[in-house]
Amino acid sequence: MIDSAALPYTVVNAGVSGETSSAMLRRLDWLLRQPFDVIVIETGANDGLRGISVDAMRENIQRAIARIRQARPAARIVLVQMEALPNMGRAYTQQFRNAFPRLAKDNHVVLLPFLLDGVAGRGELNQADGIHPNYDGERIVARNVWKGLRPILQ
């Protein structure tokens, strides 16, 4: 989508399948050695799947934002809203949901809507595990991100 919009950016997918926010934080130094103007932080889903404390996840993301700001003060930081599965219980899912807008507000970063909006819970858009998007679901995910990211890049 960036190429189609003729925007002068190169995208580096630094994500690792199954990674938690603590693992992302441990790998952050590698990413900070690369030049970048915009960084999208999408983490926490695996924390939620594992029932990791929302406070621990929030602290990991907070530390990541602080380290990015220190290393690249001019970079735009974008945080993606994630959600916990409802089987984690009402209190956990509400705390999890609220963590992202709070982090965005406290750190003055852009918050993108829930990554899997329109995909989560729809069997025809997910792989057999019911959690990870299939090809059609990924196309919706890409559009979800693009809606929020495009204005930042233009």
Protein backbone atom coordinates (compact mmCIF):
# COMPACT_ATOMS: atom_id res chain seq x y z
CA MET A 1 0.00 0.00 0.00
CA ILE A 2 2.92 2.32 0.68
CA ASP A 3 4.34 1.53 -2.76
CA SER A 4 0.94 2.01 -4.41
CA ALA A 5 0.66 5.41 -2.74
CA ALA A 6 4.15 6.26 -4.08
CA LEU A 7 5.39 7.14 -0.61
CA PRO A 8 9.16 7.15 -0.04
CA TYR A 9 9.30 4.55 2.73
CA THR A 10 10.82 1.12 3.05
CA VAL A 11 8.97 -1.23 5.37
CA VAL A 12 10.84 -3.60 7.66
CA ASN A 13 8.75 -6.23 9.39
CA ALA A 14 10.57 -6.76 12.66
CA GLY A 15 7.84 -8.89 14.18
CA VAL A 16 8.41 -12.40 15.45
CA SER A 17 5.60 -14.93 15.55
CA GLY A 18 4.55 -15.81 19.08
CA GLU A 19 6.51 -12.98 20.64
CA THR A 20 5.40 -11.33 23.86
CA SER A 21 5.97 -7.71 24.84
CA SER A 22 8.91 -8.74 27.05
CA ALA A 23 10.60 -10.51 24.13
CA MET A 24 9.98 -7.46 21.92
CA LEU A 25 11.64 -5.29 24.53
CA ARG A 26 14.68 -7.60 24.64
CA ARG A 27 15.06 -7.38 20.84
CA LEU A 28 14.53 -3.63 20.64
CA ASP A 29 18.22 -2.70 20.61
CA TRP A 30 18.64 -4.51 17.29
CA LEU A 31 15.86 -2.44 15.76
CA LEU A 32 17.15 0.81 17.22
CA ARG A 33 20.39 0.34 15.27
CA GLN A 34 18.39 0.72 12.05
CA PRO A 35 17.39 4.11 10.65
CA PHE A 36 13.64 4.80 10.70
CA ASP A 37 11.19 7.70 10.65
CA VAL A 38 8.10 5.82 11.83
CA ILE A 39 7.81 2.80 14.07
CA VAL A 40 4.66 0.77 14.58
CA ILE A 41 4.45 -1.11 17.86
CA GLU A 42 2.09 -4.06 17.61
CA THR A 43 2.55 -6.29 20.61
CA GLY A 44 0.60 -7.73 23.49
CA ALA A 45 -1.62 -10.30 21.76
CA ASN A 46 0.60 -13.15 22.90
CA ASP A 47 0.75 -11.67 26.39
CA GLY A 48 -3.04 -11.89 26.42
CA LEU A 49 -3.06 -15.45 25.11
CA ARG A 50 -0.72 -16.44 27.92
CA GLY A 51 -2.54 -14.49 30.63
CA ILE A 52 0.52 -12.35 31.36
CA SER A 53 -0.21 -9.54 33.76
CA VAL A 54 -1.56 -6.43 32.07
CA ASP A 55 0.69 -4.32 34.30
CA ALA A 56 3.76 -6.24 33.06
CA MET A 57 2.69 -5.84 29.42
CA ARG A 58 1.98 -2.14 29.89
CA GLU A 59 5.38 -1.62 31.54
CA ASN A 60 7.15 -3.41 28.69
CA ILE A 61 5.44 -1.22 26.11
CA GLN A 62 6.15 1.89 28.18
CA ARG A 63 9.83 0.98 28.39
CA ALA A 64 9.94 0.35 24.65
CA ILE A 65 8.42 3.75 23.90
CA ALA A 66 10.90 5.45 26.24
CA ARG A 67 13.86 3.68 24.63
CA ILE A 68 12.63 4.55 21.13
CA ARG A 69 12.21 8.19 22.13
CA GLN A 70 15.70 8.29 23.58
CA ALA A 71 17.34 6.69 20.55
CA ARG A 72 15.20 8.33 17.83
CA PRO A 73 13.58 11.50 19.23
CA ALA A 74 12.26 12.57 15.82
CA ALA A 75 10.63 9.23 14.97
CA ARG A 76 6.86 8.99 14.94
CA ILE A 77 5.61 6.22 17.19
CA VAL A 78 2.40 4.40 16.41
CA LEU A 79 0.80 1.92 18.81
CA VAL A 80 -1.71 -0.66 17.63
CA GLN A 81 -4.68 -1.51 19.84
CA MET A 82 -4.79 -5.17 20.75
CA GLU A 83 -7.47 -7.14 22.57
CA ALA A 84 -7.44 -10.17 24.86
CA LEU A 85 -9.70 -13.11 24.15
CA PRO A 86 -12.96 -13.04 26.12
CA ASN A 87 -12.17 -16.36 27.80
CA MET A 88 -9.61 -14.48 29.90
CA GLY A 89 -12.47 -12.98 31.90
CA ARG A 90 -14.17 -9.61 31.92
CA ALA A 91 -11.76 -7.84 34.32
CA TYR A 92 -8.65 -8.97 32.44
CA THR A 93 -10.01 -8.15 28.99
CA GLN A 94 -11.15 -4.70 30.14
CA GLN A 95 -7.78 -3.90 31.74
CA PHE A 96 -6.05 -5.19 28.61
CA ARG A 97 -8.25 -3.09 26.30
CA ASN A 98 -7.72 0.05 28.40
CA ALA A 99 -3.93 -0.33 28.54
CA PHE A 100 -3.40 0.76 24.92
CA PRO A 101 -5.34 4.05 24.88
CA ARG A 102 -3.77 4.95 28.21
CA LEU A 103 -0.26 4.31 26.90
CA ALA A 104 -1.01 6.31 23.75
CA LYS A 105 -2.41 9.23 25.73
CA ASP A 106 0.35 9.25 28.36
CA ASN A 107 3.07 9.10 25.69
CA HIS A 108 1.46 11.27 23.02
CA VAL A 109 1.66 8.53 20.40
CA VAL A 110 -0.84 7.67 17.71
CA LEU A 111 -3.16 4.79 18.56
CA LEU A 112 -4.42 2.69 15.67
CA PRO A 113 -7.67 0.77 16.07
CA PHE A 114 -7.75 -2.92 16.97
CA LEU A 115 -5.61 -4.78 14.47
CA LEU A 116 -8.15 -7.55 13.92
CA ASP A 117 -11.23 -5.34 13.68
CA GLY A 118 -13.66 -7.08 11.34
CA VAL A 119 -11.58 -10.27 11.40
CA ALA A 120 -11.56 -11.53 15.01
CA GLY A 121 -14.23 -14.10 15.66
CA ARG A 122 -15.07 -14.63 11.98
CA GLY A 123 -14.22 -18.19 11.06
CA GLU A 124 -14.09 -17.56 7.32
CA LEU A 125 -11.35 -14.96 7.84
CA ASN A 126 -9.14 -17.01 10.16
CA GLN A 127 -6.93 -20.05 9.99
CA ALA A 128 -8.05 -23.30 11.61
CA ASP A 129 -6.81 -22.08 15.03
CA GLY A 130 -9.51 -19.40 14.97
CA ILE A 131 -7.00 -16.76 16.07
CA HIS A 132 -4.67 -16.00 13.16
CA PRO A 133 -6.04 -14.40 9.99
CA ASN A 134 -6.00 -16.28 6.71
CA TYR A 135 -5.24 -14.59 3.37
CA ASP A 136 -8.59 -12.79 3.22
CA GLY A 137 -8.32 -11.79 6.87
CA GLU A 138 -4.81 -10.42 6.34
CA ARG A 139 -6.10 -8.16 3.58
CA ILE A 140 -8.58 -6.65 6.07
CA VAL A 141 -5.82 -6.31 8.68
CA ALA A 142 -3.66 -4.46 6.14
CA ARG A 143 -6.52 -2.07 5.39
CA ASN A 144 -7.10 -1.53 9.14
CA VAL A 145 -3.49 -0.51 9.62
CA TRP A 146 -3.38 1.55 6.43
CA LYS A 147 -6.39 3.67 7.46
CA GLY A 148 -4.46 4.94 10.45
CA LEU A 149 -0.96 4.85 9.04
CA ARG A 150 -1.53 6.61 5.73
CA PRO A 151 -2.20 10.07 7.23
CA ILE A 152 0.98 9.77 9.29
CA LEU A 153 3.10 8.93 6.26
CA GLN A 154 1.73 11.63 3.94
